[in-house]
Amino acid sequence: MTVSPTILSRRSLRGAVAKAAWPVIFTRTLVYLILVVIVVVEAFPLMWMIITSVKDSHEVFNTLLPTEIKWQNFPRVWFAMNFPVHLGNSFYVTSLSVALVVALATPAAYAFARYRFPGRELVFYAFIGAMMIPPQAILIPMFQFLKSLHMLNSLTGLALSYVGGGVAFAVFLMRTFFLSLPGELGDSARIDGCNDFQVFWHIYLPLARPGMATVVIIQSLYTWNEFMFSNTLITSPDKKTVQSAVFQAVGQYGTDYTALCSGLIIALVPVVLIYLALQRQFINGLTAGALKG
């Protein structure tokens, strides 16, 4: 019995394809395994926090899963740590910080992107340099500065301390976003009789909403979760932000891990809601900002 040359060529072709596919399959499998490991490592602290928040205090390090879910940990922490007051403080500081950063950074970024003026590059790189200064390096100068302005232990002063670093990053991000918008839009508006402010306000600002939403989310996350400045610049217990309030669970001789994790979960909820409300604009802003600049 003879085998057709056509059948032999097909078999050899399939074998060659299978041999060529093995490196691709191996590479993909290895990449997926690495990604799974990364996801597990990154998600483990969050899962441990969620599980610990509903455990009994005696089971924190004794069992992996709680023998009984203690939902009462949340109302206990809510009232014991006076969470409504601290949440209100955080909302005020975050709202003021975000509003000032967006109001200052948006027109500044537009000017850097659309205008030519002496010293533009020098000033812009000064903003970039400000982003490289670690917060720990400016904590003591900021303390002395707010003290000289009689704004120490003030929620408004705390919000202003977040604006400096936030504006630098927001200008960098929004400038890239404005550069991604076509300049012909402004030229057409000027031909129709619009002045520079009208071009900015009526043409470019509505198109910049995804970029501003990105700034809002990033600045909100930073301000809401910041601990070092809020714990140093605010000394009155009734003016503490939510992150400083949660730190009350950490004692000198012991830590109430169930209270700590329950408080962190409560503090996490507003951040998740803000992201869910602005996630579409956030993704559009990151995508548009990555196209140019």
C-alpha atoms as a PDB file:
ATOM      1  CA  MET A   1       0.000   0.000   0.000  1.00  0.00           C
ATOM      2  CA  THR A   2       1.474   3.304  -1.067  1.00  0.00           C
ATOM      3  CA  VAL A   3       0.853   6.655   0.607  1.00  0.00           C
ATOM      4  CA  SER A   4       0.010   9.599  -1.577  1.00  0.00           C
ATOM      5  CA  PRO A   5       2.652  12.352  -1.645  1.00  0.00           C
ATOM      6  CA  THR A   6      -0.139  14.844  -0.997  1.00  0.00           C
ATOM      7  CA  ILE A   7      -1.027  13.123   2.286  1.00  0.00           C
ATOM      8  CA  LEU A   8       2.653  13.060   3.296  1.00  0.00           C
ATOM      9  CA  SER A   9       3.024  16.760   2.565  1.00  0.00           C
ATOM     10  CA  ARG A  10      -0.092  17.549   4.620  1.00  0.00           C
ATOM     11  CA  ARG A  11       1.176  15.476   7.551  1.00  0.00           C
ATOM     12  CA  SER A  12       4.582  17.141   7.428  1.00  0.00           C
ATOM     13  CA  LEU A  13       2.904  20.560   7.236  1.00  0.00           C
ATOM     14  CA  ARG A  14       0.770  19.776  10.294  1.00  0.00           C
ATOM     15  CA  GLY A  15       3.827  18.553  12.171  1.00  0.00           C
ATOM     16  CA  ALA A  16       5.748  21.688  11.294  1.00  0.00           C
ATOM     17  CA  VAL A  17       2.851  23.886  12.401  1.00  0.00           C
ATOM     18  CA  ALA A  18       2.532  21.957  15.674  1.00  0.00           C
ATOM     19  CA  LYS A  19       6.274  22.293  16.338  1.00  0.00           C
ATOM     20  CA  ALA A  20       6.123  26.018  15.598  1.00  0.00           C
ATOM     21  CA  ALA A  21       3.099  26.464  17.882  1.00  0.00           C
ATOM     22  CA  TRP A  22       4.733  24.897  20.938  1.00  0.00           C
ATOM     23  CA  PRO A  23       6.987  27.901  21.750  1.00  0.00           C
ATOM     24  CA  VAL A  24       4.000  30.237  21.446  1.00  0.00           C
ATOM     25  CA  ILE A  25       1.855  28.052  23.711  1.00  0.00           C
ATOM     26  CA  PHE A  26       4.674  27.733  26.247  1.00  0.00           C
ATOM     27  CA  THR A  27       5.297  31.497  26.255  1.00  0.00           C
ATOM     28  CA  ARG A  28       1.613  32.312  26.696  1.00  0.00           C
ATOM     29  CA  THR A  29       1.242  29.781  29.492  1.00  0.00           C
ATOM     30  CA  LEU A  30       4.283  31.179  31.278  1.00  0.00           C
ATOM     31  CA  VAL A  31       2.968  34.748  30.918  1.00  0.00           C
ATOM     32  CA  TYR A  32      -0.454  33.757  32.263  1.00  0.00           C
ATOM     33  CA  LEU A  33       1.125  31.984  35.244  1.00  0.00           C
ATOM     34  CA  ILE A  34       3.216  35.043  36.049  1.00  0.00           C
ATOM     35  CA  LEU A  35       0.145  37.287  35.790  1.00  0.00           C
ATOM     36  CA  VAL A  36      -1.849  34.974  38.071  1.00  0.00           C
ATOM     37  CA  VAL A  37       0.937  35.071  40.655  1.00  0.00           C
ATOM     38  CA  ILE A  38       1.051  38.875  40.466  1.00  0.00           C
ATOM     39  CA  VAL A  39      -2.730  39.123  40.886  1.00  0.00           C
ATOM     40  CA  VAL A  40      -2.672  36.795  43.907  1.00  0.00           C
ATOM     41  CA  VAL A  41       0.179  38.713  45.530  1.00  0.00           C
ATOM     42  CA  GLU A  42      -1.485  42.080  44.889  1.00  0.00           C
ATOM     43  CA  ALA A  43      -4.961  40.955  45.977  1.00  0.00           C
ATOM     44  CA  PHE A  44      -3.875  39.085  49.112  1.00  0.00           C
ATOM     45  CA  PRO A  45      -3.588  42.173  51.401  1.00  0.00           C
ATOM     46  CA  LEU A  46      -7.046  43.368  50.338  1.00  0.00           C
ATOM     47  CA  MET A  47      -8.598  39.918  50.845  1.00  0.00           C
ATOM     48  CA  TRP A  48      -6.876  39.570  54.228  1.00  0.00           C
ATOM     49  CA  MET A  49      -8.251  42.970  55.263  1.00  0.00           C
ATOM     50  CA  ILE A  50     -11.796  42.065  54.198  1.00  0.00           C
ATOM     51  CA  ILE A  51     -11.698  38.705  55.983  1.00  0.00           C
ATOM     52  CA  THR A  52     -10.125  40.178  59.132  1.00  0.00           C
ATOM     53  CA  SER A  53     -12.772  42.909  59.303  1.00  0.00           C
ATOM     54  CA  VAL A  54     -15.471  40.306  60.018  1.00  0.00           C
ATOM     55  CA  LYS A  55     -13.416  38.106  62.357  1.00  0.00           C
ATOM     56  CA  ASP A  56     -13.447  37.921  66.104  1.00  0.00           C
ATOM     57  CA  SER A  57     -10.405  39.622  67.624  1.00  0.00           C
ATOM     58  CA  HIS A  58      -9.120  36.257  68.950  1.00  0.00           C
ATOM     59  CA  GLU A  59      -9.153  34.682  65.469  1.00  0.00           C
ATOM     60  CA  VAL A  60      -7.065  37.229  63.565  1.00  0.00           C
ATOM     61  CA  PHE A  61      -3.917  35.102  63.381  1.00  0.00           C
ATOM     62  CA  ASN A  62      -5.366  31.743  64.448  1.00  0.00           C
ATOM     63  CA  THR A  63      -7.679  30.885  61.558  1.00  0.00           C
ATOM     64  CA  LEU A  64      -7.709  31.630  57.841  1.00  0.00           C
ATOM     65  CA  LEU A  65     -11.489  32.073  57.683  1.00  0.00           C
ATOM     66  CA  PRO A  66     -13.726  33.302  60.500  1.00  0.00           C
ATOM     67  CA  THR A  67     -15.735  30.688  62.365  1.00  0.00           C
ATOM     68  CA  GLU A  68     -18.510  33.275  62.665  1.00  0.00           C
ATOM     69  CA  ILE A  69     -18.953  36.457  60.646  1.00  0.00           C
ATOM     70  CA  LYS A  70     -18.944  39.470  62.971  1.00  0.00           C
ATOM     71  CA  TRP A  71     -20.892  42.133  61.101  1.00  0.00           C
ATOM     72  CA  GLN A  72     -21.131  44.107  64.337  1.00  0.00           C
ATOM     73  CA  ASN A  73     -17.490  45.138  63.923  1.00  0.00           C
ATOM     74  CA  PHE A  74     -18.568  47.841  61.478  1.00  0.00           C
ATOM     75  CA  PRO A  75     -21.144  49.655  63.663  1.00  0.00           C
ATOM     76  CA  ARG A  76     -18.784  49.278  66.634  1.00  0.00           C
ATOM     77  CA  VAL A  77     -16.005  51.055  64.744  1.00  0.00           C
ATOM     78  CA  TRP A  78     -18.432  53.583  63.234  1.00  0.00           C
ATOM     79  CA  PHE A  79     -19.519  54.878  66.630  1.00  0.00           C
ATOM     80  CA  ALA A  80     -16.355  54.226  68.674  1.00  0.00           C
ATOM     81  CA  MET A  81     -14.129  56.183  66.283  1.00  0.00           C
ATOM     82  CA  ASN A  82     -16.727  58.880  65.596  1.00  0.00           C
ATOM     83  CA  PHE A  83     -16.546  58.137  61.884  1.00  0.00           C
ATOM     84  CA  PRO A  84     -19.235  60.636  60.708  1.00  0.00           C
ATOM     85  CA  VAL A  85     -17.108  63.572  61.920  1.00  0.00           C
ATOM     86  CA  HIS A  86     -13.882  62.243  60.400  1.00  0.00           C
ATOM     87  CA  LEU A  87     -15.580  61.379  57.109  1.00  0.00           C
ATOM     88  CA  GLY A  88     -16.915  64.931  56.969  1.00  0.00           C
ATOM     89  CA  ASN A  89     -13.405  66.285  57.566  1.00  0.00           C
ATOM     90  CA  SER A  90     -11.999  64.119  54.779  1.00  0.00           C
ATOM     91  CA  PHE A  91     -14.790  65.135  52.403  1.00  0.00           C
ATOM     92  CA  TYR A  92     -14.073  68.817  53.062  1.00  0.00           C
ATOM     93  CA  VAL A  93     -10.311  68.503  52.632  1.00  0.00           C
ATOM     94  CA  THR A  94     -10.633  66.329  49.516  1.00  0.00           C
ATOM     95  CA  SER A  95     -13.286  68.520  47.879  1.00  0.00           C
ATOM     96  CA  LEU A  96     -11.347  71.743  48.481  1.00  0.00           C
ATOM     97  CA  SER A  97      -8.073  70.212  47.336  1.00  0.00           C
ATOM     98  CA  VAL A  98      -9.572  68.739  44.162  1.00  0.00           C
ATOM     99  CA  ALA A  99     -11.466  71.941  43.290  1.00  0.00           C
ATOM    100  CA  LEU A 100      -8.342  74.104  43.652  1.00  0.00           C
ATOM    101  CA  VAL A 101      -6.125  71.692  41.718  1.00  0.00           C
ATOM    102  CA  VAL A 102      -8.568  71.469  38.801  1.00  0.00           C
ATOM    103  CA  ALA A 103      -9.220  75.228  38.781  1.00  0.00           C
ATOM    104  CA  LEU A 104      -5.505  76.109  38.799  1.00  0.00           C
ATOM    105  CA  ALA A 105      -4.058  73.318  36.673  1.00  0.00           C
ATOM    106  CA  THR A 106      -6.533  73.358  33.772  1.00  0.00           C
ATOM    107  CA  PRO A 107      -5.913  76.926  32.507  1.00  0.00           C
ATOM    108  CA  ALA A 108      -2.185  76.607  33.260  1.00  0.00           C
ATOM    109  CA  ALA A 109      -1.946  73.382  31.252  1.00  0.00           C
ATOM    110  CA  TYR A 110      -3.881  74.996  28.394  1.00  0.00           C
ATOM    111  CA  ALA A 111      -1.432  77.898  28.357  1.00  0.00           C
ATOM    112  CA  PHE A 112       1.567  75.549  28.271  1.00  0.00           C
ATOM    113  CA  ALA A 113       0.001  73.561  25.421  1.00  0.00           C
ATOM    114  CA  ARG A 114      -1.358  76.363  23.180  1.00  0.00           C
ATOM    115  CA  TYR A 115       0.730  79.489  23.776  1.00  0.00           C
ATOM    116  CA  ARG A 116       4.343  80.447  23.187  1.00  0.00           C
ATOM    117  CA  PHE A 117       5.807  82.817  25.781  1.00  0.00           C
ATOM    118  CA  PRO A 118       9.300  83.525  27.176  1.00  0.00           C
ATOM    119  CA  GLY A 119      10.404  81.005  29.769  1.00  0.00           C
ATOM    120  CA  ARG A 120       7.622  78.553  28.984  1.00  0.00           C
ATOM    121  CA  GLU A 121       9.882  75.499  28.902  1.00  0.00           C
ATOM    122  CA  LEU A 122      11.745  76.609  32.034  1.00  0.00           C
ATOM    123  CA  VAL A 123       8.521  77.062  34.010  1.00  0.00           C
ATOM    124  CA  PHE A 124       7.105  73.782  32.761  1.00  0.00           C
ATOM    125  CA  TYR A 125      10.229  71.857  33.741  1.00  0.00           C
ATOM    126  CA  ALA A 126      10.012  73.524  37.140  1.00  0.00           C
ATOM    127  CA  PHE A 127       6.619  71.837  37.510  1.00  0.00           C
ATOM    128  CA  ILE A 128       8.192  68.536  36.468  1.00  0.00           C
ATOM    129  CA  GLY A 129      10.958  69.043  39.017  1.00  0.00           C
ATOM    130  CA  ALA A 130       8.406  69.695  41.754  1.00  0.00           C
ATOM    131  CA  MET A 131       6.937  66.250  41.087  1.00  0.00           C
ATOM    132  CA  MET A 132      10.286  64.650  41.918  1.00  0.00           C
ATOM    133  CA  ILE A 133      10.517  66.115  45.424  1.00  0.00           C
ATOM    134  CA  PRO A 134       9.499  63.456  47.991  1.00  0.00           C
ATOM    135  CA  PRO A 135       6.724  64.555  50.384  1.00  0.00           C
ATOM    136  CA  GLN A 136       8.899  63.686  53.388  1.00  0.00           C
ATOM    137  CA  ALA A 137      11.361  66.397  52.350  1.00  0.00           C
ATOM    138  CA  ILE A 138       8.781  69.187  52.536  1.00  0.00           C
ATOM    139  CA  LEU A 139       6.899  68.079  55.653  1.00  0.00           C
ATOM    140  CA  ILE A 140       8.860  70.256  58.106  1.00  0.00           C
ATOM    141  CA  PRO A 141       8.954  73.321  55.790  1.00  0.00           C
ATOM    142  CA  MET A 142       5.212  72.941  55.237  1.00  0.00           C
ATOM    143  CA  PHE A 143       4.681  72.733  59.007  1.00  0.00           C
ATOM    144  CA  GLN A 144       6.628  75.969  59.527  1.00  0.00           C
ATOM    145  CA  PHE A 145       4.907  77.664  56.585  1.00  0.00           C
ATOM    146  CA  LEU A 146       1.385  76.880  57.802  1.00  0.00           C
ATOM    147  CA  LYS A 147       2.397  77.881  61.333  1.00  0.00           C
ATOM    148  CA  SER A 148       3.531  81.302  60.071  1.00  0.00           C
ATOM    149  CA  LEU A 149       0.159  81.730  58.333  1.00  0.00           C
ATOM    150  CA  HIS A 150      -1.716  80.652  61.494  1.00  0.00           C
ATOM    151  CA  MET A 151      -3.232  77.779  59.494  1.00  0.00           C
ATOM    152  CA  LEU A 152      -1.687  74.941  61.465  1.00  0.00           C
ATOM    153  CA  ASN A 153      -4.271  72.488  62.814  1.00  0.00           C
ATOM    154  CA  SER A 154      -6.676  73.763  60.141  1.00  0.00           C
ATOM    155  CA  LEU A 155      -8.514  71.649  57.583  1.00  0.00           C
ATOM    156  CA  THR A 156      -8.167  74.454  55.056  1.00  0.00           C
ATOM    157  CA  GLY A 157      -4.414  74.584  55.639  1.00  0.00           C
ATOM    158  CA  LEU A 158      -4.214  70.811  55.228  1.00  0.00           C
ATOM    159  CA  ALA A 159      -6.081  71.030  51.925  1.00  0.00           C
ATOM    160  CA  LEU A 160      -3.720  73.753  50.694  1.00  0.00           C
ATOM    161  CA  SER A 161      -0.723  71.564  51.536  1.00  0.00           C
ATOM    162  CA  TYR A 162      -2.038  68.990  49.046  1.00  0.00           C
ATOM    163  CA  VAL A 163      -2.600  71.544  46.280  1.00  0.00           C
ATOM    164  CA  GLY A 164       1.088  72.260  45.590  1.00  0.00           C
ATOM    165  CA  GLY A 165       2.080  68.751  44.635  1.00  0.00           C
ATOM    166  CA  GLY A 166      -1.280  68.054  43.018  1.00  0.00           C
ATOM    167  CA  VAL A 167      -1.078  71.055  40.688  1.00  0.00           C
ATOM    168  CA  ALA A 168       2.329  69.998  39.338  1.00  0.00           C
ATOM    169  CA  PHE A 169       1.116  66.550  38.319  1.00  0.00           C
ATOM    170  CA  ALA A 170      -2.228  67.857  37.045  1.00  0.00           C
ATOM    171  CA  VAL A 171      -0.495  70.433  34.806  1.00  0.00           C
ATOM    172  CA  PHE A 172       1.721  67.701  33.377  1.00  0.00           C
ATOM    173  CA  LEU A 173      -1.274  65.438  32.700  1.00  0.00           C
ATOM    174  CA  MET A 174      -3.627  68.113  31.356  1.00  0.00           C
ATOM    175  CA  ARG A 175      -0.959  69.631  29.089  1.00  0.00           C
ATOM    176  CA  THR A 176      -0.544  66.249  27.422  1.00  0.00           C
ATOM    177  CA  PHE A 177      -4.308  66.008  27.044  1.00  0.00           C
ATOM    178  CA  PHE A 178      -4.629  69.482  25.481  1.00  0.00           C
ATOM    179  CA  LEU A 179      -1.829  68.646  23.049  1.00  0.00           C
ATOM    180  CA  SER A 180      -3.865  65.661  21.875  1.00  0.00           C
ATOM    181  CA  LEU A 181      -6.750  67.951  20.826  1.00  0.00           C
ATOM    182  CA  PRO A 182      -6.589  69.386  17.293  1.00  0.00           C
ATOM    183  CA  GLY A 183      -5.455  73.002  17.116  1.00  0.00           C
ATOM    184  CA  GLU A 184      -7.702  73.616  14.101  1.00  0.00           C
ATOM    185  CA  LEU A 185     -10.682  73.806  16.464  1.00  0.00           C
ATOM    186  CA  GLY A 186      -9.307  76.948  18.069  1.00  0.00           C
ATOM    187  CA  ASP A 187      -8.365  78.457  14.706  1.00  0.00           C
ATOM    188  CA  SER A 188     -11.898  77.936  13.396  1.00  0.00           C
ATOM    189  CA  ALA A 189     -13.407  79.520  16.506  1.00  0.00           C
ATOM    190  CA  ARG A 190     -11.142  82.568  16.177  1.00  0.00           C
ATOM    191  CA  ILE A 191     -12.171  83.003  12.533  1.00  0.00           C
ATOM    192  CA  ASP A 192     -15.787  83.013  13.753  1.00  0.00           C
ATOM    193  CA  GLY A 193     -14.959  85.888  16.128  1.00  0.00           C
ATOM    194  CA  CYS A 194     -14.139  84.170  19.434  1.00  0.00           C
ATOM    195  CA  ASN A 195     -11.436  85.636  21.639  1.00  0.00           C
ATOM    196  CA  ASP A 196      -8.838  83.531  23.453  1.00  0.00           C
ATOM    197  CA  PHE A 197     -10.918  83.088  26.601  1.00  0.00           C
ATOM    198  CA  GLN A 198     -13.999  82.043  24.612  1.00  0.00           C
ATOM    199  CA  VAL A 199     -11.933  79.517  22.668  1.00  0.00           C
ATOM    200  CA  PHE A 200     -10.706  78.014  25.927  1.00  0.00           C
ATOM    201  CA  TRP A 201     -14.062  78.113  27.727  1.00  0.00           C
ATOM    202  CA  HIS A 202     -16.424  77.051  24.933  1.00  0.00           C
ATOM    203  CA  ILE A 203     -14.223  74.867  22.725  1.00  0.00           C
ATOM    204  CA  TYR A 204     -11.410  73.188  24.619  1.00  0.00           C
ATOM    205  CA  LEU A 205     -12.773  73.043  28.160  1.00  0.00           C
ATOM    206  CA  PRO A 206     -15.786  70.829  27.270  1.00  0.00           C
ATOM    207  CA  LEU A 207     -13.456  68.508  25.362  1.00  0.00           C
ATOM    208  CA  ALA A 208     -11.138  68.376  28.381  1.00  0.00           C
ATOM    209  CA  ARG A 209     -13.695  66.727  30.669  1.00  0.00           C
ATOM    210  CA  PRO A 210     -12.075  63.250  30.460  1.00  0.00           C
ATOM    211  CA  GLY A 211      -8.732  64.775  31.427  1.00  0.00           C
ATOM    212  CA  MET A 212     -10.275  66.718  34.306  1.00  0.00           C
ATOM    213  CA  ALA A 213     -12.051  63.556  35.471  1.00  0.00           C
ATOM    214  CA  THR A 214      -8.676  61.807  35.518  1.00  0.00           C
ATOM    215  CA  VAL A 215      -7.229  64.607  37.633  1.00  0.00           C
ATOM    216  CA  VAL A 216     -10.242  64.473  39.971  1.00  0.00           C
ATOM    217  CA  ILE A 217      -9.844  60.740  40.555  1.00  0.00           C
ATOM    218  CA  ILE A 218      -6.066  60.820  41.062  1.00  0.00           C
ATOM    219  CA  GLN A 219      -6.152  63.855  43.352  1.00  0.00           C
ATOM    220  CA  SER A 220      -9.109  62.440  45.299  1.00  0.00           C
ATOM    221  CA  LEU A 221      -7.330  59.129  45.852  1.00  0.00           C
ATOM    222  CA  TYR A 222      -4.155  60.859  46.969  1.00  0.00           C
ATOM    223  CA  THR A 223      -5.869  63.315  49.317  1.00  0.00           C
ATOM    224  CA  TRP A 224      -8.297  60.810  50.795  1.00  0.00           C
ATOM    225  CA  ASN A 225      -5.645  58.179  51.503  1.00  0.00           C
ATOM    226  CA  GLU A 226      -2.820  60.503  52.607  1.00  0.00           C
ATOM    227  CA  PHE A 227      -1.721  59.952  56.199  1.00  0.00           C
ATOM    228  CA  MET A 228       1.624  61.616  56.930  1.00  0.00           C
ATOM    229  CA  PHE A 229       0.582  65.247  56.409  1.00  0.00           C
ATOM    230  CA  SER A 230      -2.861  64.839  57.969  1.00  0.00           C
ATOM    231  CA  ASN A 231      -1.463  63.164  61.076  1.00  0.00           C
ATOM    232  CA  THR A 232       1.280  65.810  61.475  1.00  0.00           C
ATOM    233  CA  LEU A 233      -0.469  69.051  60.547  1.00  0.00           C
ATOM    234  CA  ILE A 234      -3.722  68.256  62.402  1.00  0.00           C
ATOM    235  CA  THR A 235      -3.515  67.800  66.172  1.00  0.00           C
ATOM    236  CA  SER A 236      -7.111  68.225  67.365  1.00  0.00           C
ATOM    237  CA  PRO A 237      -8.939  64.882  67.629  1.00  0.00           C
ATOM    238  CA  ASP A 238     -12.174  66.346  66.227  1.00  0.00           C
ATOM    239  CA  LYS A 239     -10.343  67.623  63.117  1.00  0.00           C
ATOM    240  CA  LYS A 240      -8.627  64.374  62.206  1.00  0.00           C
ATOM    241  CA  THR A 241      -9.265  62.968  58.751  1.00  0.00           C
ATOM    242  CA  VAL A 242     -10.505  59.423  58.279  1.00  0.00           C
ATOM    243  CA  GLN A 243      -7.037  57.900  57.772  1.00  0.00           C
ATOM    244  CA  SER A 244      -5.725  59.479  60.967  1.00  0.00           C
ATOM    245  CA  ALA A 245      -8.852  58.355  62.798  1.00  0.00           C
ATOM    246  CA  VAL A 246      -8.361  54.740  61.725  1.00  0.00           C
ATOM    247  CA  PHE A 247      -4.832  54.924  63.150  1.00  0.00           C
ATOM    248  CA  GLN A 248      -6.435  55.084  66.612  1.00  0.00           C
ATOM    249  CA  ALA A 249      -6.753  51.299  66.428  1.00  0.00           C
ATOM    250  CA  VAL A 250      -2.949  51.024  66.522  1.00  0.00           C
ATOM    251  CA  GLY A 251      -1.889  51.168  70.167  1.00  0.00           C
ATOM    252  CA  GLN A 252       1.475  51.309  71.883  1.00  0.00           C
ATOM    253  CA  TYR A 253       1.266  47.751  73.208  1.00  0.00           C
ATOM    254  CA  GLY A 254      -1.238  46.172  70.854  1.00  0.00           C
ATOM    255  CA  THR A 255      -3.343  46.685  67.757  1.00  0.00           C
ATOM    256  CA  ASP A 256      -7.056  45.989  67.328  1.00  0.00           C
ATOM    257  CA  TYR A 257      -6.780  44.471  63.863  1.00  0.00           C
ATOM    258  CA  THR A 258     -10.510  43.883  63.474  1.00  0.00           C
ATOM    259  CA  ALA A 259     -11.227  47.556  64.212  1.00  0.00           C
ATOM    260  CA  LEU A 260      -8.353  48.649  61.972  1.00  0.00           C
ATOM    261  CA  CYS A 261      -9.534  46.574  59.006  1.00  0.00           C
ATOM    262  CA  SER A 262     -13.188  47.504  59.511  1.00  0.00           C
ATOM    263  CA  GLY A 263     -12.251  51.184  59.568  1.00  0.00           C
ATOM    264  CA  LEU A 264     -10.160  50.839  56.427  1.00  0.00           C
ATOM    265  CA  ILE A 265     -13.059  49.158  54.622  1.00  0.00           C
ATOM    266  CA  ILE A 266     -15.392  52.008  55.606  1.00  0.00           C
ATOM    267  CA  ALA A 267     -12.799  54.523  54.412  1.00  0.00           C
ATOM    268  CA  LEU A 268     -12.436  52.621  51.138  1.00  0.00           C
ATOM    269  CA  VAL A 269     -16.116  52.831  50.154  1.00  0.00           C
ATOM    270  CA  PRO A 270     -16.188  56.550  49.107  1.00  0.00           C
ATOM    271  CA  VAL A 271     -13.069  56.076  46.962  1.00  0.00           C
ATOM    272  CA  VAL A 272     -14.634  53.135  45.139  1.00  0.00           C
ATOM    273  CA  LEU A 273     -17.846  55.110  44.555  1.00  0.00           C
ATOM    274  CA  ILE A 274     -15.908  58.049  43.080  1.00  0.00           C
ATOM    275  CA  TYR A 275     -14.042  55.744  40.731  1.00  0.00           C
ATOM    276  CA  LEU A 276     -17.214  53.948  39.629  1.00  0.00           C
ATOM    277  CA  ALA A 277     -18.921  57.267  38.941  1.00  0.00           C
ATOM    278  CA  LEU A 278     -16.028  58.598  36.825  1.00  0.00           C
ATOM    279  CA  GLN A 279     -14.448  55.435  35.453  1.00  0.00           C
ATOM    280  CA  ARG A 280     -15.548  55.999  31.853  1.00  0.00           C
ATOM    281  CA  GLN A 281     -14.185  59.541  31.834  1.00  0.00           C
ATOM    282  CA  PHE A 282     -11.049  58.302  33.602  1.00  0.00           C
ATOM    283  CA  ILE A 283     -10.339  55.657  30.948  1.00  0.00           C
ATOM    284  CA  ASN A 284     -11.051  58.119  28.124  1.00  0.00           C
ATOM    285  CA  GLY A 285      -8.716  60.647  29.709  1.00  0.00           C
ATOM    286  CA  LEU A 286      -5.847  58.179  30.059  1.00  0.00           C
ATOM    287  CA  THR A 287      -6.377  56.921  26.493  1.00  0.00           C
ATOM    288  CA  ALA A 288      -6.507  60.412  24.980  1.00  0.00           C
ATOM    289  CA  GLY A 289      -3.522  61.587  27.005  1.00  0.00           C
ATOM    290  CA  ALA A 290      -1.455  58.666  25.764  1.00  0.00           C
ATOM    291  CA  LEU A 291      -1.924  59.562  22.088  1.00  0.00           C
ATOM    292  CA  LYS A 292       0.359  62.573  22.017  1.00  0.00           C
ATOM    293  CA  GLY A 293       2.995  64.309  24.085  1.00  0.00           C
END
